[in-house]
């Protein structure tokens, strides 16, 4: 049981790192080719999430909940590459 949880945790970390690296690469590509089709394809994406964040005010405690993801083609390619590397090794 602990081995499966460890494998799932490693997979999650690898996928998050793949998304982060892909996003950074997409931003770099967008900076190198501003205003063109390449920027539109790699750097721009969608941002699903809770905007503005949900706020629960209990007068004694205030809790703010919010999650936003920024998904672009480069981050999807980074996740796919990370998944491929994880399955390969």
PDB file of N, CA and C in Angstrom:
ATOM      1  N   UNK A   1       0.821  -1.197   0.000  1.00  0.00           N
ATOM      2  CA  UNK A   1       0.000   0.000   0.000  1.00  0.00           C
ATOM      3  C   UNK A   1       0.868   1.264   0.000  1.00  0.00           C
ATOM      4  N   UNK A   2       1.911   1.263   0.824  1.00  0.00           N
ATOM      5  CA  UNK A   2       2.774   2.442   0.891  1.00  0.00           C
ATOM      6  C   UNK A   2       3.534   2.633  -0.422  1.00  0.00           C
ATOM      7  N   UNK A   3       3.867   1.538  -1.083  1.00  0.00           N
ATOM      8  CA  UNK A   3       4.588   1.643  -2.360  1.00  0.00           C
ATOM      9  C   UNK A   3       3.709   2.272  -3.426  1.00  0.00           C
ATOM     10  N   UNK A   4       2.421   1.933  -3.475  1.00  0.00           N
ATOM     11  CA  UNK A   4       1.503   2.521  -4.448  1.00  0.00           C
ATOM     12  C   UNK A   4       1.318   4.007  -4.176  1.00  0.00           C
ATOM     13  N   UNK A   5       1.196   4.387  -2.934  1.00  0.00           N
ATOM     14  CA  UNK A   5       1.055   5.803  -2.592  1.00  0.00           C
ATOM     15  C   UNK A   5       2.313   6.563  -2.980  1.00  0.00           C
ATOM     16  N   UNK A   6       3.461   5.963  -2.753  1.00  0.00           N
ATOM     17  CA  UNK A   6       4.724   6.593  -3.120  1.00  0.00           C
ATOM     18  C   UNK A   6       4.803   6.779  -4.632  1.00  0.00           C
ATOM     19  N   UNK A   7       4.377   5.767  -5.407  1.00  0.00           N
ATOM     20  CA  UNK A   7       4.377   5.877  -6.864  1.00  0.00           C
ATOM     21  C   UNK A   7       3.424   6.957  -7.344  1.00  0.00           C
ATOM     22  N   UNK A   8       2.258   7.075  -6.709  1.00  0.00           N
ATOM     23  CA  UNK A   8       1.294   8.107  -7.077  1.00  0.00           C
ATOM     24  C   UNK A   8       1.836   9.496  -6.745  1.00  0.00           C
ATOM     25  N   UNK A   9       2.511   9.612  -5.623  1.00  0.00           N
ATOM     26  CA  UNK A   9       3.086  10.905  -5.239  1.00  0.00           C
ATOM     27  C   UNK A   9       4.187  11.309  -6.219  1.00  0.00           C
ATOM     28  N   UNK A  10       5.011  10.354  -6.600  1.00  0.00           N
ATOM     29  CA  UNK A  10       6.081  10.647  -7.566  1.00  0.00           C
ATOM     30  C   UNK A  10       5.485  11.054  -8.905  1.00  0.00           C
ATOM     31  N   UNK A  11       4.453  10.336  -9.354  1.00  0.00           N
ATOM     32  CA  UNK A  11       3.790  10.685 -10.611  1.00  0.00           C
ATOM     33  C   UNK A  11       3.214  12.093 -10.554  1.00  0.00           C
ATOM     34  N   UNK A  12       2.559  12.446  -9.461  1.00  0.00           N
ATOM     35  CA  UNK A  12       1.981  13.782  -9.316  1.00  0.00           C
ATOM     36  C   UNK A  12       3.061  14.857  -9.358  1.00  0.00           C
ATOM     37  N   UNK A  13       4.168  14.617  -8.677  1.00  0.00           N
ATOM     38  CA  UNK A  13       5.266  15.586  -8.678  1.00  0.00           C
ATOM     39  C   UNK A  13       5.856  15.728 -10.076  1.00  0.00           C
ATOM     40  N   UNK A  14       6.031  14.612 -10.767  1.00  0.00           N
ATOM     41  CA  UNK A  14       6.574  14.656 -12.130  1.00  0.00           C
ATOM     42  C   UNK A  14       5.634  15.402 -13.062  1.00  0.00           C
ATOM     43  N   UNK A  15       4.335  15.182 -12.946  1.00  0.00           N
ATOM     44  CA  UNK A  15       3.380  15.882 -13.806  1.00  0.00           C
ATOM     45  C   UNK A  15       3.352  17.380 -13.522  1.00  0.00           C
ATOM     46  N   UNK A  16       3.427  17.749 -12.259  1.00  0.00           N
ATOM     47  CA  UNK A  16       3.452  19.174 -11.903  1.00  0.00           C
ATOM     48  C   UNK A  16       4.726  19.832 -12.432  1.00  0.00           C
ATOM     49  N   UNK A  17       5.853  19.145 -12.281  1.00  0.00           N
ATOM     50  CA  UNK A  17       7.105  19.683 -12.809  1.00  0.00           C
ATOM     51  C   UNK A  17       7.061  19.801 -14.331  1.00  0.00           C
ATOM     52  N   UNK A  18       6.459  18.823 -14.998  1.00  0.00           N
ATOM     53  CA  UNK A  18       6.312  18.898 -16.451  1.00  0.00           C
ATOM     54  C   UNK A  18       5.479  20.092 -16.875  1.00  0.00           C
ATOM     55  N   UNK A  19       4.386  20.339 -16.137  1.00  0.00           N
ATOM     56  CA  UNK A  19       3.542  21.493 -16.448  1.00  0.00           C
ATOM     57  C   UNK A  19       4.291  22.802 -16.206  1.00  0.00           C
ATOM     58  N   UNK A  20       5.044  22.871 -15.116  1.00  0.00           N
ATOM     59  CA  UNK A  20       5.807  24.091 -14.820  1.00  0.00           C
ATOM     60  C   UNK A  20       6.883  24.348 -15.866  1.00  0.00           C
ATOM     61  N   UNK A  21       7.625  23.318 -16.209  1.00  0.00           N
ATOM     62  CA  UNK A  21       8.685  23.486 -17.210  1.00  0.00           C
ATOM     63  C   UNK A  21       8.084  23.848 -18.564  1.00  0.00           C
ATOM     64  N   UNK A  22       6.972  23.206 -18.933  1.00  0.00           N
ATOM     65  CA  UNK A  22       6.297  23.540 -20.184  1.00  0.00           C
ATOM     66  C   UNK A  22       5.802  24.976 -20.202  1.00  0.00           C
ATOM     67  N   UNK A  23       5.259  25.440 -19.074  1.00  0.00           N
ATOM     68  CA  UNK A  23       4.799  26.833 -18.994  1.00  0.00           C
ATOM     69  C   UNK A  23       5.946  27.817 -19.152  1.00  0.00           C
ATOM     70  N   UNK A  24       7.065  27.522 -18.512  1.00  0.00           N
ATOM     71  CA  UNK A  24       8.229  28.409 -18.623  1.00  0.00           C
ATOM     72  C   UNK A  24       8.721  28.444 -20.068  1.00  0.00           C
ATOM     73  N   UNK A  25       8.781  27.277 -20.702  1.00  0.00           N
ATOM     74  CA  UNK A  25       9.213  27.229 -22.102  1.00  0.00           C
ATOM     75  C   UNK A  25       8.230  27.998 -22.987  1.00  0.00           C
ATOM     76  N   UNK A  26       6.928  27.868 -22.717  1.00  0.00           N
ATOM     77  CA  UNK A  26       5.929  28.622 -23.475  1.00  0.00           C
ATOM     78  C   UNK A  26       6.081  30.120 -23.303  1.00  0.00           C
ATOM     79  N   UNK A  27       6.383  30.563 -22.083  1.00  0.00           N
ATOM     80  CA  UNK A  27       6.604  31.989 -21.843  1.00  0.00           C
ATOM     81  C   UNK A  27       7.855  32.484 -22.565  1.00  0.00           C
ATOM     82  N   UNK A  28       8.883  31.667 -22.573  1.00  0.00           N
ATOM     83  CA  UNK A  28      10.119  32.050 -23.279  1.00  0.00           C
ATOM     84  C   UNK A  28       9.856  32.145 -24.779  1.00  0.00           C
ATOM     85  N   UNK A  29       9.142  31.174 -25.323  1.00  0.00           N
ATOM     86  CA  UNK A  29       8.809  31.217 -26.754  1.00  0.00           C
ATOM     87  C   UNK A  29       7.953  32.446 -27.058  1.00  0.00           C
ATOM     88  N   UNK A  30       7.004  32.756 -26.178  1.00  0.00           N
ATOM     89  CA  UNK A  30       6.174  33.937 -26.374  1.00  0.00           C
ATOM     90  C   UNK A  30       6.962  35.230 -26.318  1.00  0.00           C
ATOM     91  N   UNK A  31       7.992  35.275 -25.470  1.00  0.00           N
ATOM     92  CA  UNK A  31       8.820  36.475 -25.373  1.00  0.00           C
ATOM     93  C   UNK A  31       9.734  36.626 -26.595  1.00  0.00           C
ATOM     94  N   UNK A  32      10.157  35.498 -27.154  1.00  0.00           N
ATOM     95  CA  UNK A  32      11.036  35.556 -28.317  1.00  0.00           C
ATOM     96  C   UNK A  32      10.287  35.886 -29.609  1.00  0.00           C
ATOM     97  N   UNK A  33       8.985  35.564 -29.649  1.00  0.00           N
ATOM     98  CA  UNK A  33       8.189  35.822 -30.855  1.00  0.00           C
ATOM     99  C   UNK A  33       6.912  36.569 -30.474  1.00  0.00           C
ATOM    100  N   UNK A  34       7.037  37.825 -30.026  1.00  0.00           N
ATOM    101  CA  UNK A  34       5.847  38.551 -29.560  1.00  0.00           C
ATOM    102  C   UNK A  34       4.908  38.932 -30.711  1.00  0.00           C
ATOM    103  N   UNK A  35       3.625  38.786 -30.456  1.00  0.00           N
ATOM    104  CA  UNK A  35       2.615  39.241 -31.404  1.00  0.00           C
ATOM    105  C   UNK A  35       2.396  38.355 -32.602  1.00  0.00           C
ATOM    106  N   UNK A  36       3.057  37.239 -32.673  1.00  0.00           N
ATOM    107  CA  UNK A  36       2.920  36.378 -33.841  1.00  0.00           C
ATOM    108  C   UNK A  36       2.064  35.153 -33.560  1.00  0.00           C
ATOM    109  N   UNK A  37       1.984  34.300 -34.544  1.00  0.00           N
ATOM    110  CA  UNK A  37       1.215  33.068 -34.425  1.00  0.00           C
ATOM    111  C   UNK A  37       1.854  32.124 -33.419  1.00  0.00           C
ATOM    112  N   UNK A  38       3.175  32.122 -33.359  1.00  0.00           N
ATOM    113  CA  UNK A  38       3.879  31.243 -32.425  1.00  0.00           C
ATOM    114  C   UNK A  38       3.507  31.596 -30.993  1.00  0.00           C
ATOM    115  N   UNK A  39       3.441  32.877 -30.680  1.00  0.00           N
ATOM    116  CA  UNK A  39       3.042  33.298 -29.335  1.00  0.00           C
ATOM    117  C   UNK A  39       1.610  32.881 -29.057  1.00  0.00           C
ATOM    118  N   UNK A  40       0.740  33.054 -30.027  1.00  0.00           N
ATOM    119  CA  UNK A  40      -0.665  32.704 -29.835  1.00  0.00           C
ATOM    120  C   UNK A  40      -0.841  31.212 -29.587  1.00  0.00           C
ATOM    121  N   UNK A  41      -0.013  30.401 -30.208  1.00  0.00           N
ATOM    122  CA  UNK A  41      -0.145  28.951 -30.054  1.00  0.00           C
ATOM    123  C   UNK A  41       0.486  28.463 -28.751  1.00  0.00           C
ATOM    124  N   UNK A  42       1.690  28.933 -28.429  1.00  0.00           N
ATOM    125  CA  UNK A  42       2.411  28.377 -27.291  1.00  0.00           C
ATOM    126  C   UNK A  42       2.211  29.127 -25.979  1.00  0.00           C
ATOM    127  N   UNK A  43       2.148  30.428 -25.995  1.00  0.00           N
ATOM    128  CA  UNK A  43       2.154  31.196 -24.752  1.00  0.00           C
ATOM    129  C   UNK A  43       0.761  31.502 -24.217  1.00  0.00           C
ATOM    130  N   UNK A  44      -0.202  31.710 -25.091  1.00  0.00           N
ATOM    131  CA  UNK A  44      -1.530  32.067 -24.616  1.00  0.00           C
ATOM    132  C   UNK A  44      -2.339  30.806 -24.359  1.00  0.00           C
ATOM    133  N   UNK A  45      -3.190  30.855 -23.362  1.00  0.00           N
ATOM    134  CA  UNK A  45      -3.983  29.688 -23.016  1.00  0.00           C
ATOM    135  C   UNK A  45      -5.222  30.085 -22.254  1.00  0.00           C
ATOM    136  N   UNK A  46      -5.797  29.126 -21.573  1.00  0.00           N
ATOM    137  CA  UNK A  46      -6.997  29.358 -20.775  1.00  0.00           C
ATOM    138  C   UNK A  46      -6.618  29.285 -19.300  1.00  0.00           C
ATOM    139  N   UNK A  47      -7.419  29.948 -18.476  1.00  0.00           N
ATOM    140  CA  UNK A  47      -7.185  29.962 -17.032  1.00  0.00           C
ATOM    141  C   UNK A  47      -8.452  29.543 -16.292  1.00  0.00           C
ATOM    142  N   UNK A  48      -8.713  28.232 -16.229  1.00  0.00           N
ATOM    143  CA  UNK A  48      -9.881  27.805 -15.463  1.00  0.00           C
ATOM    144  C   UNK A  48      -9.615  27.924 -13.970  1.00  0.00           C
ATOM    145  N   UNK A  49     -10.639  28.254 -13.221  1.00  0.00           N
ATOM    146  CA  UNK A  49     -10.470  28.354 -11.781  1.00  0.00           C
ATOM    147  C   UNK A  49     -11.552  29.194 -11.145  1.00  0.00           C
ATOM    148  N   UNK A  50     -11.354  29.510  -9.898  1.00  0.00           N
ATOM    149  CA  UNK A  50     -12.290  30.330  -9.130  1.00  0.00           C
ATOM    150  C   UNK A  50     -11.758  31.758  -9.127  1.00  0.00           C
ATOM    151  N   UNK A  51     -12.435  32.646  -9.845  1.00  0.00           N
ATOM    152  CA  UNK A  51     -11.999  34.039  -9.896  1.00  0.00           C
ATOM    153  C   UNK A  51     -13.229  34.928  -9.788  1.00  0.00           C
ATOM    154  N   UNK A  52     -13.355  35.733  -8.815  1.00  0.00           N
ATOM    155  CA  UNK A  52     -12.499  35.971  -7.664  1.00  0.00           C
ATOM    156  C   UNK A  52     -12.612  34.832  -6.655  1.00  0.00           C
ATOM    157  N   UNK A  53     -11.652  34.720  -5.740  1.00  0.00           N
ATOM    158  CA  UNK A  53     -11.684  33.633  -4.759  1.00  0.00           C
ATOM    159  C   UNK A  53     -12.923  33.696  -3.869  1.00  0.00           C
ATOM    160  N   UNK A  54     -13.357  32.541  -3.415  1.00  0.00           N
ATOM    161  CA  UNK A  54     -14.493  32.463  -2.493  1.00  0.00           C
ATOM    162  C   UNK A  54     -14.017  32.839  -1.089  1.00  0.00           C
ATOM    163  N   UNK A  55     -14.776  33.670  -0.413  1.00  0.00           N
ATOM    164  CA  UNK A  55     -14.403  34.129   0.923  1.00  0.00           C
ATOM    165  C   UNK A  55     -15.498  33.724   1.897  1.00  0.00           C
ATOM    166  N   UNK A  56     -15.107  33.053   2.974  1.00  0.00           N
ATOM    167  CA  UNK A  56     -16.016  32.681   4.051  1.00  0.00           C
ATOM    168  C   UNK A  56     -15.619  33.481   5.280  1.00  0.00           C
ATOM    169  N   UNK A  57     -16.484  34.441   5.665  1.00  0.00           N
ATOM    170  CA  UNK A  57     -16.186  35.313   6.799  1.00  0.00           C
ATOM    171  C   UNK A  57     -17.040  34.879   7.979  1.00  0.00           C
ATOM    172  N   UNK A  58     -16.426  34.357   9.029  1.00  0.00           N
ATOM    173  CA  UNK A  58     -17.119  33.896  10.223  1.00  0.00           C
ATOM    174  C   UNK A  58     -16.938  34.864  11.389  1.00  0.00           C
ATOM    175  N   UNK A  59     -16.509  36.070  11.119  1.00  0.00           N
ATOM    176  CA  UNK A  59     -16.256  37.150  12.079  1.00  0.00           C
ATOM    177  C   UNK A  59     -15.086  36.865  13.010  1.00  0.00           C
ATOM    178  N   UNK A  60     -14.826  35.628  13.311  1.00  0.00           N
ATOM    179  CA  UNK A  60     -13.676  35.274  14.125  1.00  0.00           C
ATOM    180  C   UNK A  60     -12.545  34.769  13.225  1.00  0.00           C
ATOM    181  N   UNK A  61     -12.946  34.155  12.124  1.00  0.00           N
ATOM    182  CA  UNK A  61     -12.006  33.555  11.204  1.00  0.00           C
ATOM    183  C   UNK A  61     -12.472  33.837   9.784  1.00  0.00           C
ATOM    184  N   UNK A  62     -11.576  34.250   8.946  1.00  0.00           N
ATOM    185  CA  UNK A  62     -11.886  34.472   7.542  1.00  0.00           C
ATOM    186  C   UNK A  62     -11.065  33.496   6.708  1.00  0.00           C
ATOM    187  N   UNK A  63     -11.767  32.739   5.875  1.00  0.00           N
ATOM    188  CA  UNK A  63     -11.119  31.742   5.031  1.00  0.00           C
ATOM    189  C   UNK A  63     -11.318  32.147   3.580  1.00  0.00           C
ATOM    190  N   UNK A  64     -10.225  32.171   2.834  1.00  0.00           N
ATOM    191  CA  UNK A  64     -10.282  32.496   1.417  1.00  0.00           C
ATOM    192  C   UNK A  64      -9.845  31.273   0.620  1.00  0.00           C
ATOM    193  N   UNK A  65     -10.699  30.850  -0.303  1.00  0.00           N
ATOM    194  CA  UNK A  65     -10.416  29.677  -1.115  1.00  0.00           C
ATOM    195  C   UNK A  65     -10.362  30.077  -2.578  1.00  0.00           C
ATOM    196  N   UNK A  66      -9.300  29.676  -3.245  1.00  0.00           N
ATOM    197  CA  UNK A  66      -9.201  29.983  -4.659  1.00  0.00           C
ATOM    198  C   UNK A  66      -8.150  29.119  -5.336  1.00  0.00           C
ATOM    199  N   UNK A  67      -8.483  28.665  -6.505  1.00  0.00           N
ATOM    200  CA  UNK A  67      -7.555  27.859  -7.296  1.00  0.00           C
ATOM    201  C   UNK A  67      -7.661  28.320  -8.735  1.00  0.00           C
ATOM    202  N   UNK A  68      -6.540  28.571  -9.367  1.00  0.00           N
ATOM    203  CA  UNK A  68      -6.523  28.944 -10.772  1.00  0.00           C
ATOM    204  C   UNK A  68      -5.373  28.213 -11.444  1.00  0.00           C
ATOM    205  N   UNK A  69      -5.663  27.639 -12.590  1.00  0.00           N
ATOM    206  CA  UNK A  69      -4.633  26.993 -13.399  1.00  0.00           C
ATOM    207  C   UNK A  69      -4.488  27.770 -14.692  1.00  0.00           C
ATOM    208  N   UNK A  70      -3.296  27.787 -15.214  1.00  0.00           N
ATOM    209  CA  UNK A  70      -3.069  28.426 -16.514  1.00  0.00           C
ATOM    210  C   UNK A  70      -2.575  27.349 -17.456  1.00  0.00           C
ATOM    211  N   UNK A  71      -3.403  26.997 -18.412  1.00  0.00           N
ATOM    212  CA  UNK A  71      -3.091  25.892 -19.314  1.00  0.00           C
ATOM    213  C   UNK A  71      -2.843  26.447 -20.710  1.00  0.00           C
ATOM    214  N   UNK A  72      -1.683  26.122 -21.264  1.00  0.00           N
ATOM    215  CA  UNK A  72      -1.375  26.466 -22.649  1.00  0.00           C
ATOM    216  C   UNK A  72      -0.793  25.235 -23.338  1.00  0.00           C
ATOM    217  N   UNK A  73      -0.552  25.328 -24.612  1.00  0.00           N
ATOM    218  CA  UNK A  73      -0.072  24.185 -25.372  1.00  0.00           C
ATOM    219  C   UNK A  73       1.278  23.695 -24.854  1.00  0.00           C
ATOM    220  N   UNK A  74       2.149  24.607 -24.487  1.00  0.00           N
ATOM    221  CA  UNK A  74       3.470  24.212 -24.004  1.00  0.00           C
ATOM    222  C   UNK A  74       3.368  23.441 -22.687  1.00  0.00           C
ATOM    223  N   UNK A  75       2.468  23.832 -21.787  1.00  0.00           N
ATOM    224  CA  UNK A  75       2.319  23.102 -20.527  1.00  0.00           C
ATOM    225  C   UNK A  75       1.712  21.721 -20.762  1.00  0.00           C
ATOM    226  N   UNK A  76       0.799  21.605 -21.722  1.00  0.00           N
ATOM    227  CA  UNK A  76       0.229  20.295 -22.057  1.00  0.00           C
ATOM    228  C   UNK A  76       1.315  19.396 -22.638  1.00  0.00           C
ATOM    229  N   UNK A  77       2.154  19.945 -23.504  1.00  0.00           N
ATOM    230  CA  UNK A  77       3.262  19.168 -24.053  1.00  0.00           C
ATOM    231  C   UNK A  77       4.257  18.781 -22.959  1.00  0.00           C
ATOM    232  N   UNK A  78       4.477  19.656 -21.993  1.00  0.00           N
ATOM    233  CA  UNK A  78       5.357  19.334 -20.864  1.00  0.00           C
ATOM    234  C   UNK A  78       4.803  18.206 -20.012  1.00  0.00           C
ATOM    235  N   UNK A  79       3.499  18.206 -19.775  1.00  0.00           N
ATOM    236  CA  UNK A  79       2.865  17.125 -19.017  1.00  0.00           C
ATOM    237  C   UNK A  79       2.947  15.815 -19.800  1.00  0.00           C
ATOM    238  N   UNK A  80       2.695  15.868 -21.104  1.00  0.00           N
ATOM    239  CA  UNK A  80       2.768  14.661 -21.929  1.00  0.00           C
ATOM    240  C   UNK A  80       4.187  14.093 -21.932  1.00  0.00           C
ATOM    241  N   UNK A  81       5.190  14.949 -22.036  1.00  0.00           N
ATOM    242  CA  UNK A  81       6.576  14.503 -22.007  1.00  0.00           C
ATOM    243  C   UNK A  81       6.929  13.911 -20.641  1.00  0.00           C
ATOM    244  N   UNK A  82       6.472  14.542 -19.569  1.00  0.00           N
ATOM    245  CA  UNK A  82       6.741  14.025 -18.224  1.00  0.00           C
ATOM    246  C   UNK A  82       6.081  12.663 -18.024  1.00  0.00           C
ATOM    247  N   UNK A  83       4.863  12.492 -18.527  1.00  0.00           N
ATOM    248  CA  UNK A  83       4.179  11.207 -18.423  1.00  0.00           C
ATOM    249  C   UNK A  83       4.911  10.140 -19.230  1.00  0.00           C
ATOM    250  N   UNK A  84       5.380  10.503 -20.409  1.00  0.00           N
ATOM    251  CA  UNK A  84       6.134   9.568 -21.241  1.00  0.00           C
ATOM    252  C   UNK A  84       7.421   9.148 -20.532  1.00  0.00           C
ATOM    253  N   UNK A  85       8.121  10.094 -19.932  1.00  0.00           N
ATOM    254  CA  UNK A  85       9.362   9.781 -19.203  1.00  0.00           C
ATOM    255  C   UNK A  85       9.050   8.894 -18.002  1.00  0.00           C
ATOM    256  N   UNK A  86       7.973   9.173 -17.285  1.00  0.00           N
ATOM    257  CA  UNK A  86       7.607   8.377 -16.105  1.00  0.00           C
ATOM    258  C   UNK A  86       7.312   6.937 -16.504  1.00  0.00           C
ATOM    259  N   UNK A  87       6.568   6.747 -17.591  1.00  0.00           N
ATOM    260  CA  UNK A  87       6.239   5.393 -18.043  1.00  0.00           C
ATOM    261  C   UNK A  87       7.458   4.655 -18.585  1.00  0.00           C
ATOM    262  N   UNK A  88       8.378   5.391 -19.154  1.00  0.00           N
ATOM    263  CA  UNK A  88       9.568   4.772 -19.744  1.00  0.00           C
ATOM    264  C   UNK A  88      10.508   4.240 -18.672  1.00  0.00           C
ATOM    265  N   UNK A  89      10.607   4.937 -17.541  1.00  0.00           N
ATOM    266  CA  UNK A  89      11.548   4.530 -16.483  1.00  0.00           C
ATOM    267  C   UNK A  89      10.855   3.983 -15.309  1.00  0.00           C
TER     268      UNK A  89
END
